[in-house]
C-alpha atoms as a PDB file:
ATOM      1  CA  MET A   1       0.013   0.009   0.004  1.00  0.00           C
ATOM      2  CA  PRO A   2       1.508   3.392  -0.959  1.00  0.00           C
ATOM      3  CA  SER A   3       2.269   5.775   1.843  1.00  0.00           C
ATOM      4  CA  LEU A   4       0.822   9.264   2.310  1.00  0.00           C
ATOM      5  CA  ILE A   5       4.035  10.786   0.975  1.00  0.00           C
ATOM      6  CA  ASP A   6       3.707   8.700  -2.238  1.00  0.00           C
ATOM      7  CA  PHE A   7       0.120   9.864  -2.745  1.00  0.00           C
ATOM      8  CA  ARG A   8       1.046  13.512  -2.180  1.00  0.00           C
ATOM      9  CA  ARG A   9       3.880  13.234  -4.705  1.00  0.00           C
ATOM     10  CA  ARG A  10       1.612  11.668  -7.307  1.00  0.00           C
ATOM     11  CA  ILE A  11      -1.081  14.305  -6.728  1.00  0.00           C
ATOM     12  CA  ARG A  12       1.460  17.093  -7.039  1.00  0.00           C
ATOM     13  CA  SER A  13       2.811  15.554 -10.254  1.00  0.00           C
ATOM     14  CA  VAL A  14      -0.638  15.261 -11.796  1.00  0.00           C
ATOM     15  CA  LYS A  15      -1.426  18.863 -10.806  1.00  0.00           C
ATOM     16  CA  ASN A  16       1.709  20.103 -12.525  1.00  0.00           C
ATOM     17  CA  THR A  17       0.740  18.169 -15.671  1.00  0.00           C
ATOM     18  CA  GLN A  18      -2.764  19.629 -15.457  1.00  0.00           C
ATOM     19  CA  GLN A  19      -1.360  23.141 -15.382  1.00  0.00           C
ATOM     20  CA  ILE A  20       0.610  22.428 -18.560  1.00  0.00           C
ATOM     21  CA  THR A  21      -2.386  20.980 -20.375  1.00  0.00           C
ATOM     22  CA  LYS A  22      -4.562  23.954 -19.383  1.00  0.00           C
ATOM     23  CA  ALA A  23      -1.910  26.354 -20.645  1.00  0.00           C
ATOM     24  CA  MET A  24      -1.618  24.468 -23.945  1.00  0.00           C
ATOM     25  CA  LYS A  25      -5.379  24.538 -24.337  1.00  0.00           C
ATOM     26  CA  MET A  26      -5.427  28.347 -23.910  1.00  0.00           C
ATOM     27  CA  VAL A  27      -2.580  28.776 -26.416  1.00  0.00           C
ATOM     28  CA  SER A  28      -4.298  26.542 -28.981  1.00  0.00           C
ATOM     29  CA  ALA A  29      -7.594  28.399 -28.466  1.00  0.00           C
ATOM     30  CA  ALA A  30      -5.866  31.721 -29.216  1.00  0.00           C
ATOM     31  CA  LYS A  31      -4.108  30.329 -32.300  1.00  0.00           C
ATOM     32  CA  LEU A  32      -7.335  28.662 -33.455  1.00  0.00           C
ATOM     33  CA  ARG A  33      -9.148  31.964 -33.635  1.00  0.00           C
ATOM     34  CA  ARG A  34      -6.525  33.475 -35.920  1.00  0.00           C
ATOM     35  CA  ALA A  35      -6.307  30.308 -38.061  1.00  0.00           C
ATOM     36  CA  GLN A  36     -10.060  30.095 -38.340  1.00  0.00           C
ATOM     37  CA  ASP A  37     -10.294  33.720 -39.483  1.00  0.00           C
ATOM     38  CA  ALA A  38      -7.614  33.000 -42.102  1.00  0.00           C
ATOM     39  CA  VAL A  39      -9.549  29.987 -43.416  1.00  0.00           C
ATOM     40  CA  ILE A  40     -12.822  31.896 -43.605  1.00  0.00           C
ATOM     41  CA  ALA A  41     -11.081  34.759 -45.437  1.00  0.00           C
ATOM     42  CA  ALA A  42      -9.388  32.399 -47.951  1.00  0.00           C
ATOM     43  CA  ARG A  43     -12.459  30.405 -48.903  1.00  0.00           C
ATOM     44  CA  PRO A  44     -14.285  33.112 -50.966  1.00  0.00           C
ATOM     45  CA  PHE A  45     -11.157  33.846 -53.015  1.00  0.00           C
ATOM     46  CA  GLY A  46     -10.616  30.169 -53.733  1.00  0.00           C
ATOM     47  CA  ASN A  47     -14.231  29.615 -54.764  1.00  0.00           C
ATOM     48  CA  SER A  48     -14.223  32.701 -56.971  1.00  0.00           C
ATOM     49  CA  LEU A  49     -10.988  31.630 -58.672  1.00  0.00           C
ATOM     50  CA  LYS A  50     -12.419  28.173 -59.230  1.00  0.00           C
ATOM     51  CA  ALA A  51     -15.581  29.607 -60.799  1.00  0.00           C
ATOM     52  CA  MET A  52     -13.581  31.951 -63.041  1.00  0.00           C
ATOM     53  CA  LEU A  53     -11.351  29.086 -64.106  1.00  0.00           C
ATOM     54  CA  ALA A  54     -14.392  26.992 -64.943  1.00  0.00           C
ATOM     55  CA  ASN A  55     -15.792  29.746 -67.173  1.00  0.00           C
ATOM     56  CA  VAL A  56     -12.518  30.401 -68.949  1.00  0.00           C
ATOM     57  CA  ALA A  57     -11.888  26.724 -69.455  1.00  0.00           C
ATOM     58  CA  GLY A  58     -15.442  26.307 -70.657  1.00  0.00           C
ATOM     59  CA  ALA A  59     -14.864  28.926 -73.318  1.00  0.00           C
ATOM     60  CA  ALA A  60     -11.661  27.208 -74.384  1.00  0.00           C
ATOM     61  CA  LYS A  61     -13.030  23.670 -74.258  1.00  0.00           C
ATOM     62  CA  GLY A  62     -12.248  21.721 -77.394  1.00  0.00           C
ATOM     63  CA  THR A  63      -9.810  24.340 -78.682  1.00  0.00           C
ATOM     64  CA  ASP A  64      -6.063  24.213 -79.095  1.00  0.00           C
ATOM     65  CA  ALA A  65      -5.709  26.599 -76.137  1.00  0.00           C
ATOM     66  CA  ALA A  66      -7.130  24.016 -73.758  1.00  0.00           C
ATOM     67  CA  SER A  67      -5.575  20.930 -75.289  1.00  0.00           C
ATOM     68  CA  GLY A  68      -2.125  22.577 -75.492  1.00  0.00           C
ATOM     69  CA  ASN A  69      -1.955  23.517 -71.780  1.00  0.00           C
ATOM     70  CA  PRO A  70       0.187  20.934 -69.928  1.00  0.00           C
ATOM     71  CA  LEU A  71      -1.732  21.348 -66.654  1.00  0.00           C
ATOM     72  CA  LEU A  72      -4.914  20.151 -68.355  1.00  0.00           C
ATOM     73  CA  ALA A  73      -3.272  17.268 -70.202  1.00  0.00           C
ATOM     74  CA  GLU A  74      -4.558  13.908 -69.054  1.00  0.00           C
ATOM     75  CA  ARG A  75      -2.363  10.877 -69.545  1.00  0.00           C
ATOM     76  CA  ASP A  76      -2.138   7.325 -68.286  1.00  0.00           C
ATOM     77  CA  GLU A  77      -1.656   7.441 -64.525  1.00  0.00           C
ATOM     78  CA  ASN A  78       1.397   5.378 -63.714  1.00  0.00           C
ATOM     79  CA  ARG A  79       3.137   7.704 -61.240  1.00  0.00           C
ATOM     80  CA  ALA A  80       1.142   9.664 -58.688  1.00  0.00           C
ATOM     81  CA  LEU A  81       2.302  12.240 -56.152  1.00  0.00           C
ATOM     82  CA  VAL A  82       0.409  12.725 -52.904  1.00  0.00           C
ATOM     83  CA  ILE A  83       1.022  15.922 -50.943  1.00  0.00           C
ATOM     84  CA  VAL A  84       0.271  15.142 -47.299  1.00  0.00           C
ATOM     85  CA  VAL A  85      -0.326  18.252 -45.158  1.00  0.00           C
ATOM     86  CA  SER A  86       0.232  17.115 -41.589  1.00  0.00           C
ATOM     87  CA  ALA A  87       1.460  18.555 -38.268  1.00  0.00           C
ATOM     88  CA  ASP A  88       4.989  19.033 -36.992  1.00  0.00           C
ATOM     89  CA  ARG A  89       4.075  18.324 -33.374  1.00  0.00           C
ATOM     90  CA  GLY A  90       1.967  15.846 -31.486  1.00  0.00           C
ATOM     91  CA  LEU A  91      -0.314  16.247 -28.464  1.00  0.00           C
ATOM     92  CA  SER A  92      -3.316  16.721 -30.766  1.00  0.00           C
ATOM     93  CA  GLY A  93      -5.127  13.407 -30.305  1.00  0.00           C
ATOM     94  CA  ALA A  94      -5.671  11.320 -33.377  1.00  0.00           C
ATOM     95  CA  PHE A  95      -5.260  14.318 -35.746  1.00  0.00           C
ATOM     96  CA  SER A  96      -2.105  13.168 -37.523  1.00  0.00           C
ATOM     97  CA  THR A  97      -2.854   9.463 -37.226  1.00  0.00           C
ATOM     98  CA  ASN A  98      -6.238   9.745 -38.938  1.00  0.00           C
ATOM     99  CA  LEU A  99      -4.801  11.849 -41.765  1.00  0.00           C
ATOM    100  CA  ASN A 100      -1.821   9.550 -42.374  1.00  0.00           C
ATOM    101  CA  LYS A 101      -4.038   6.455 -42.364  1.00  0.00           C
ATOM    102  CA  ALA A 102      -6.445   8.078 -44.802  1.00  0.00           C
ATOM    103  CA  ALA A 103      -3.592   9.019 -47.126  1.00  0.00           C
ATOM    104  CA  GLN A 104      -2.110   5.534 -46.906  1.00  0.00           C
ATOM    105  CA  ARG A 105      -5.515   3.979 -47.575  1.00  0.00           C
ATOM    106  CA  PHE A 106      -5.812   6.190 -50.660  1.00  0.00           C
ATOM    107  CA  CYS A 107      -2.376   5.075 -51.874  1.00  0.00           C
ATOM    108  CA  VAL A 108      -3.087   1.378 -51.288  1.00  0.00           C
ATOM    109  CA  GLU A 109      -6.705   1.099 -52.395  1.00  0.00           C
ATOM    110  CA  ASP A 110      -7.181   3.810 -55.031  1.00  0.00           C
ATOM    111  CA  LYS A 111      -3.674   3.711 -56.500  1.00  0.00           C
ATOM    112  CA  ASN A 112      -2.957   0.013 -56.181  1.00  0.00           C
ATOM    113  CA  GLY A 113      -0.282  -1.107 -58.624  1.00  0.00           C
ATOM    114  CA  LYS A 114       0.869   2.435 -59.379  1.00  0.00           C
ATOM    115  CA  THR A 115       4.044   4.191 -58.284  1.00  0.00           C
ATOM    116  CA  VAL A 116       3.176   6.596 -55.504  1.00  0.00           C
ATOM    117  CA  GLU A 117       5.482   9.307 -54.112  1.00  0.00           C
ATOM    118  CA  ILE A 118       4.898  11.407 -50.997  1.00  0.00           C
ATOM    119  CA  GLU A 119       5.489  15.134 -50.723  1.00  0.00           C
ATOM    120  CA  ALA A 120       5.455  15.579 -46.945  1.00  0.00           C
ATOM    121  CA  ILE A 121       4.429  18.874 -45.378  1.00  0.00           C
ATOM    122  CA  GLY A 122       4.999  18.378 -41.671  1.00  0.00           C
ATOM    123  CA  LYS A 123       7.183  16.073 -39.627  1.00  0.00           C
ATOM    124  CA  LYS A 124       4.384  13.591 -38.781  1.00  0.00           C
ATOM    125  CA  ALA A 125       3.689  12.723 -42.443  1.00  0.00           C
ATOM    126  CA  ARG A 126       7.394  12.441 -43.250  1.00  0.00           C
ATOM    127  CA  ASP A 127       8.131  10.065 -40.372  1.00  0.00           C
ATOM    128  CA  TYR A 128       4.959   7.991 -40.926  1.00  0.00           C
ATOM    129  CA  PHE A 129       5.505   7.265 -44.615  1.00  0.00           C
ATOM    130  CA  ARG A 130       9.270   6.933 -44.336  1.00  0.00           C
ATOM    131  CA  ARG A 131       8.866   4.152 -41.782  1.00  0.00           C
ATOM    132  CA  ARG A 132       6.535   2.340 -44.212  1.00  0.00           C
ATOM    133  CA  GLY A 133       8.972   2.454 -47.132  1.00  0.00           C
ATOM    134  CA  TYR A 134       7.310   5.116 -49.276  1.00  0.00           C
ATOM    135  CA  THR A 135       9.395   7.311 -51.529  1.00  0.00           C
ATOM    136  CA  ILE A 136       9.628  10.804 -50.031  1.00  0.00           C
ATOM    137  CA  ALA A 137       9.891  13.156 -52.990  1.00  0.00           C
ATOM    138  CA  GLY A 138      10.316  16.175 -50.715  1.00  0.00           C
ATOM    139  CA  GLU A 139       9.695  17.466 -47.214  1.00  0.00           C
ATOM    140  CA  THR A 140       8.773  20.863 -45.881  1.00  0.00           C
ATOM    141  CA  LEU A 141       8.749  21.447 -42.109  1.00  0.00           C
ATOM    142  CA  GLY A 142       7.390  24.325 -40.040  1.00  0.00           C
ATOM    143  CA  VAL A 143       4.909  25.554 -42.655  1.00  0.00           C
ATOM    144  CA  THR A 144       1.783  25.029 -40.506  1.00  0.00           C
ATOM    145  CA  ARG A 145       3.227  27.055 -37.590  1.00  0.00           C
ATOM    146  CA  GLY A 146       2.794  30.215 -39.608  1.00  0.00           C
ATOM    147  CA  PRO A 147       1.252  29.561 -43.043  1.00  0.00           C
ATOM    148  CA  LYS A 148       2.502  31.854 -45.781  1.00  0.00           C
ATOM    149  CA  TYR A 149       1.421  31.966 -49.407  1.00  0.00           C
ATOM    150  CA  ALA A 150       5.039  32.127 -50.523  1.00  0.00           C
ATOM    151  CA  ASP A 151       5.752  28.719 -48.970  1.00  0.00           C
ATOM    152  CA  ALA A 152       2.715  27.155 -50.640  1.00  0.00           C
ATOM    153  CA  ALA A 153       3.633  28.750 -53.981  1.00  0.00           C
ATOM    154  CA  LYS A 154       7.173  27.385 -53.767  1.00  0.00           C
ATOM    155  CA  ILE A 155       5.930  23.838 -53.217  1.00  0.00           C
ATOM    156  CA  ALA A 156       3.289  24.233 -55.944  1.00  0.00           C
ATOM    157  CA  ARG A 157       5.820  25.490 -58.493  1.00  0.00           C
ATOM    158  CA  LYS A 158       8.060  22.506 -57.820  1.00  0.00           C
ATOM    159  CA  VAL A 159       5.162  20.088 -58.274  1.00  0.00           C
ATOM    160  CA  ILE A 160       3.965  21.841 -61.438  1.00  0.00           C
ATOM    161  CA  GLU A 161       7.477  21.676 -62.927  1.00  0.00           C
ATOM    162  CA  ARG A 162       7.662  17.928 -62.273  1.00  0.00           C
ATOM    163  CA  TYR A 163       4.234  17.413 -63.822  1.00  0.00           C
ATOM    164  CA  GLU A 164       5.104  19.418 -66.931  1.00  0.00           C
ATOM    165  CA  LYS A 165       8.320  17.405 -67.374  1.00  0.00           C
ATOM    166  CA  GLY A 166       6.334  14.185 -67.209  1.00  0.00           C
ATOM    167  CA  GLU A 167       7.994  12.896 -64.040  1.00  0.00           C
ATOM    168  CA  ILE A 168       4.567  12.388 -62.485  1.00  0.00           C
ATOM    169  CA  ASP A 169       1.139  11.812 -64.046  1.00  0.00           C
ATOM    170  CA  SER A 170      -1.150  13.122 -61.298  1.00  0.00           C
ATOM    171  CA  VAL A 171      -1.028  15.127 -58.061  1.00  0.00           C
ATOM    172  CA  TYR A 172      -3.305  14.831 -55.041  1.00  0.00           C
ATOM    173  CA  ILE A 173      -3.469  16.657 -51.704  1.00  0.00           C
ATOM    174  CA  ALA A 174      -4.327  14.833 -48.447  1.00  0.00           C
ATOM    175  CA  TYR A 175      -5.280  17.202 -45.623  1.00  0.00           C
ATOM    176  CA  ASN A 176      -7.619  17.663 -42.672  1.00  0.00           C
ATOM    177  CA  GLU A 177     -10.572  19.822 -43.618  1.00  0.00           C
ATOM    178  CA  PHE A 178     -11.648  22.169 -40.801  1.00  0.00           C
ATOM    179  CA  LYS A 179     -15.352  21.640 -40.167  1.00  0.00           C
ATOM    180  CA  SER A 180     -15.700  22.880 -36.578  1.00  0.00           C
ATOM    181  CA  VAL A 181     -13.808  22.877 -33.313  1.00  0.00           C
ATOM    182  CA  ALA A 182     -14.922  19.309 -32.634  1.00  0.00           C
ATOM    183  CA  THR A 183     -14.789  17.970 -36.226  1.00  0.00           C
ATOM    184  CA  GLN A 184     -11.801  17.623 -38.575  1.00  0.00           C
ATOM    185  CA  LYS A 185     -12.359  15.526 -41.684  1.00  0.00           C
ATOM    186  CA  PRO A 186      -9.449  13.898 -43.561  1.00  0.00           C
ATOM    187  CA  ASP A 187      -9.883  14.364 -47.282  1.00  0.00           C
ATOM    188  CA  VAL A 188      -7.958  13.741 -50.532  1.00  0.00           C
ATOM    189  CA  ILE A 189      -8.479  16.007 -53.528  1.00  0.00           C
ATOM    190  CA  GLN A 190      -7.008  16.039 -57.029  1.00  0.00           C
ATOM    191  CA  VAL A 191      -5.102  19.104 -58.209  1.00  0.00           C
ATOM    192  CA  LEU A 192      -3.263  17.897 -61.337  1.00  0.00           C
ATOM    193  CA  PRO A 193      -4.393  17.511 -63.981  1.00  0.00           C
ATOM    194  CA  VAL A 194      -6.655  20.374 -62.996  1.00  0.00           C
ATOM    195  CA  PRO A 195     -10.181  18.972 -62.701  1.00  0.00           C
ATOM    196  CA  LEU A 196     -12.681  21.105 -64.575  1.00  0.00           C
ATOM    197  CA  PRO A 197     -16.508  21.104 -64.389  1.00  0.00           C
ATOM    198  CA  GLN A 198     -18.327  19.479 -67.223  1.00  0.00           C
ATOM    199  CA  ASP A 199     -20.634  22.462 -67.899  1.00  0.00           C
ATOM    200  CA  GLY A 200     -17.794  25.027 -67.853  1.00  0.00           C
ATOM    201  CA  GLY A 201     -19.831  27.653 -66.000  1.00  0.00           C
ATOM    202  CA  SER A 202     -22.414  30.135 -67.230  1.00  0.00           C
ATOM    203  CA  THR A 203     -20.753  33.573 -66.907  1.00  0.00           C
ATOM    204  CA  ASP A 204     -19.928  35.293 -70.170  1.00  0.00           C
ATOM    205  CA  TYR A 205     -16.585  37.116 -70.244  1.00  0.00           C
ATOM    206  CA  LEU A 206     -14.968  39.472 -72.730  1.00  0.00           C
ATOM    207  CA  TYR A 207     -11.362  38.423 -72.984  1.00  0.00           C
ATOM    208  CA  GLU A 208      -8.725  41.069 -73.558  1.00  0.00           C
ATOM    209  CA  GLN A 209      -6.034  38.410 -73.846  1.00  0.00           C
ATOM    210  CA  PRO A 210      -6.266  35.122 -75.750  1.00  0.00           C
ATOM    211  CA  VAL A 211      -7.875  32.361 -73.739  1.00  0.00           C
ATOM    212  CA  GLY A 212      -4.709  30.291 -73.865  1.00  0.00           C
ATOM    213  CA  GLN A 213      -2.730  33.028 -72.121  1.00  0.00           C
ATOM    214  CA  LEU A 214      -5.413  33.391 -69.459  1.00  0.00           C
ATOM    215  CA  LEU A 215      -5.307  29.650 -68.771  1.00  0.00           C
ATOM    216  CA  ALA A 216      -1.517  29.695 -68.624  1.00  0.00           C
ATOM    217  CA  THR A 217      -1.789  32.371 -65.885  1.00  0.00           C
ATOM    218  CA  LEU A 218      -4.832  31.077 -64.016  1.00  0.00           C
ATOM    219  CA  LEU A 219      -3.983  27.389 -63.773  1.00  0.00           C
ATOM    220  CA  PRO A 220      -0.681  27.702 -61.831  1.00  0.00           C
ATOM    221  CA  ARG A 221      -2.287  30.343 -59.569  1.00  0.00           C
ATOM    222  CA  TYR A 222      -5.174  27.947 -58.986  1.00  0.00           C
ATOM    223  CA  VAL A 223      -2.796  25.144 -57.909  1.00  0.00           C
ATOM    224  CA  GLU A 224      -0.975  27.510 -55.563  1.00  0.00           C
ATOM    225  CA  THR A 225      -4.241  28.774 -54.095  1.00  0.00           C
ATOM    226  CA  ILE A 226      -5.604  25.272 -53.496  1.00  0.00           C
ATOM    227  CA  LEU A 227      -2.418  24.179 -51.760  1.00  0.00           C
ATOM    228  CA  PHE A 228      -2.327  27.300 -49.584  1.00  0.00           C
ATOM    229  CA  ARG A 229      -5.958  26.839 -48.678  1.00  0.00           C
ATOM    230  CA  THR A 230      -5.428  23.203 -47.629  1.00  0.00           C
ATOM    231  CA  ILE A 231      -2.496  24.313 -45.444  1.00  0.00           C
ATOM    232  CA  LEU A 232      -4.731  26.892 -43.757  1.00  0.00           C
ATOM    233  CA  GLU A 233      -7.489  24.299 -43.295  1.00  0.00           C
ATOM    234  CA  SER A 234      -5.009  21.808 -41.815  1.00  0.00           C
ATOM    235  CA  THR A 235      -3.546  24.443 -39.473  1.00  0.00           C
ATOM    236  CA  ALA A 236      -6.938  25.408 -38.106  1.00  0.00           C
ATOM    237  CA  ALA A 237      -7.911  21.743 -37.729  1.00  0.00           C
ATOM    238  CA  GLU A 238      -4.659  21.028 -35.890  1.00  0.00           C
ATOM    239  CA  HIS A 239      -5.233  23.803 -33.353  1.00  0.00           C
ATOM    240  CA  ALA A 240      -8.820  22.645 -32.844  1.00  0.00           C
ATOM    241  CA  ALA A 241      -7.737  19.037 -32.326  1.00  0.00           C
ATOM    242  CA  ARG A 242      -4.981  20.073 -29.869  1.00  0.00           C
ATOM    243  CA  MET A 243      -7.365  22.278 -27.946  1.00  0.00           C
ATOM    244  CA  THR A 244      -9.880  19.434 -27.661  1.00  0.00           C
ATOM    245  CA  ALA A 245      -7.141  16.986 -26.678  1.00  0.00           C
ATOM    246  CA  MET A 246      -5.723  19.280 -23.981  1.00  0.00           C
ATOM    247  CA  ASP A 247      -9.212  19.909 -22.604  1.00  0.00           C
ATOM    248  CA  ALA A 248      -9.790  16.174 -22.339  1.00  0.00           C
ATOM    249  CA  ALA A 249      -6.360  15.728 -20.724  1.00  0.00           C
ATOM    250  CA  SER A 250      -7.172  18.420 -18.137  1.00  0.00           C
ATOM    251  CA  SER A 251     -10.482  16.749 -17.312  1.00  0.00           C
ATOM    252  CA  ASN A 252      -8.780  13.359 -16.979  1.00  0.00           C
ATOM    253  CA  ALA A 253      -6.155  14.904 -14.702  1.00  0.00           C
ATOM    254  CA  ALA A 254      -8.913  16.294 -12.486  1.00  0.00           C
ATOM    255  CA  ASP A 255     -10.458  12.820 -12.256  1.00  0.00           C
ATOM    256  CA  VAL A 256      -7.099  11.288 -11.348  1.00  0.00           C
ATOM    257  CA  ILE A 257      -6.492  13.923  -8.668  1.00  0.00           C
ATOM    258  CA  GLU A 258      -9.956  13.250  -7.207  1.00  0.00           C
ATOM    259  CA  LYS A 259      -9.333   9.506  -7.045  1.00  0.00           C
ATOM    260  CA  LEU A 260      -5.840   9.889  -5.613  1.00  0.00           C
ATOM    261  CA  THR A 261      -7.176  12.285  -2.960  1.00  0.00           C
ATOM    262  CA  LEU A 262      -9.850   9.781  -2.024  1.00  0.00           C
ATOM    263  CA  TYR A 263      -7.308   6.968  -1.700  1.00  0.00           C
ATOM    264  CA  MET A 264      -4.975   9.233   0.302  1.00  0.00           C
ATOM    265  CA  ASN A 265      -7.795  10.124   2.709  1.00  0.00           C
ATOM    266  CA  ARG A 266      -8.602   6.450   3.153  1.00  0.00           C
ATOM    267  CA  VAL A 267      -4.969   5.657   3.906  1.00  0.00           C
ATOM    268  CA  ARG A 268      -4.734   8.528   6.358  1.00  0.00           C
ATOM    269  CA  GLN A 269      -7.971   7.491   8.049  1.00  0.00           C
ATOM    270  CA  ALA A 270      -6.775   3.940   8.346  1.00  0.00           C
ATOM    271  CA  SER A 271      -3.476   5.147   9.822  1.00  0.00           C
ATOM    272  CA  ILE A 272      -5.255   7.324  12.387  1.00  0.00           C
ATOM    273  CA  THR A 273      -7.612   4.492  13.299  1.00  0.00           C
ATOM    274  CA  ARG A 274      -4.674   2.103  13.731  1.00  0.00           C
ATOM    275  CA  GLU A 275      -2.867   4.583  16.002  1.00  0.00           C
ATOM    276  CA  ILE A 276      -5.994   5.069  18.110  1.00  0.00           C
ATOM    277  CA  ILE A 277      -6.387   1.326  18.480  1.00  0.00           C
ATOM    278  CA  GLU A 278      -2.733   1.031  19.551  1.00  0.00           C
ATOM    279  CA  VAL A 279      -3.151   3.776  22.144  1.00  0.00           C
ATOM    280  CA  VAL A 280      -6.355   2.208  23.501  1.00  0.00           C
ATOM    281  CA  SER A 281      -4.746  -1.267  23.531  1.00  0.00           C
ATOM    282  CA  GLY A 282      -1.735   0.080  25.429  1.00  0.00           C
ATOM    283  CA  ALA A 283      -3.940   1.824  28.010  1.00  0.00           C
ATOM    284  CA  SER A 284      -5.950  -1.350  28.484  1.00  0.00           C
ATOM    285  CA  ALA A 285      -2.784  -3.353  29.014  1.00  0.00           C
ATOM    286  CA  LEU A 286      -1.667  -0.975  31.778  1.00  0.00           C
ATOM    287  CA  ASP A 287      -4.959  -1.437  33.562  1.00  0.00           C
END
């Protein structure tokens, strides 16, 4: 049976851990607000760019301008690249695990028999897929701590260059979509070749430049925007998952402290009772 000193040490240790988890929850809550505002601000631009691209591509559909653009060229998919947007740190529950498993499931089930490379954004994705023998085409760390468009554009340009050279036949992005504080949904989307709507949109534009030049400008910007948006979504989802995990850890610590306090009181009561019995027994023996 542990002594009172052991119980006090354990209670003090759990309380120290609880203070850390509460502080991490508050930090994640503050970061989540900024990340959530960034996601909400980025969504309208991304949707508008996608709609504009659909209309421009619809006007160029079936012409040499569309068929000659390398980012719209569809070919036999033998080599695929999956960009996995994960976290650099843990202590966020099953956030990284669920994403990595979803990306691996996509590679195994949807791309079975094809060569799959991983472009890792975040330490968790890099370590997960490296341990499982996947080819790591590139790694970028620290992006989700302070997402910048320049970082996303740099990665996108590298991927676009490889696609134009024919080194890869398709590009996908696996990320955690931010739904709410309590919900983060792993998702995989295609970015290359750029998927276009079948109807091509309904807005009628007057083009000052040839449609082919517009597509050559819009398509790379679209890939960069989609990648930056997924990084923002993943960052907000990571902070939400960490805040939820730290809140659960603080609640669990409170339960542990309550149970340890109850056990300590029982031990102390048993010790007091034993001492009283010894005193009473000694007095009775003197009589």
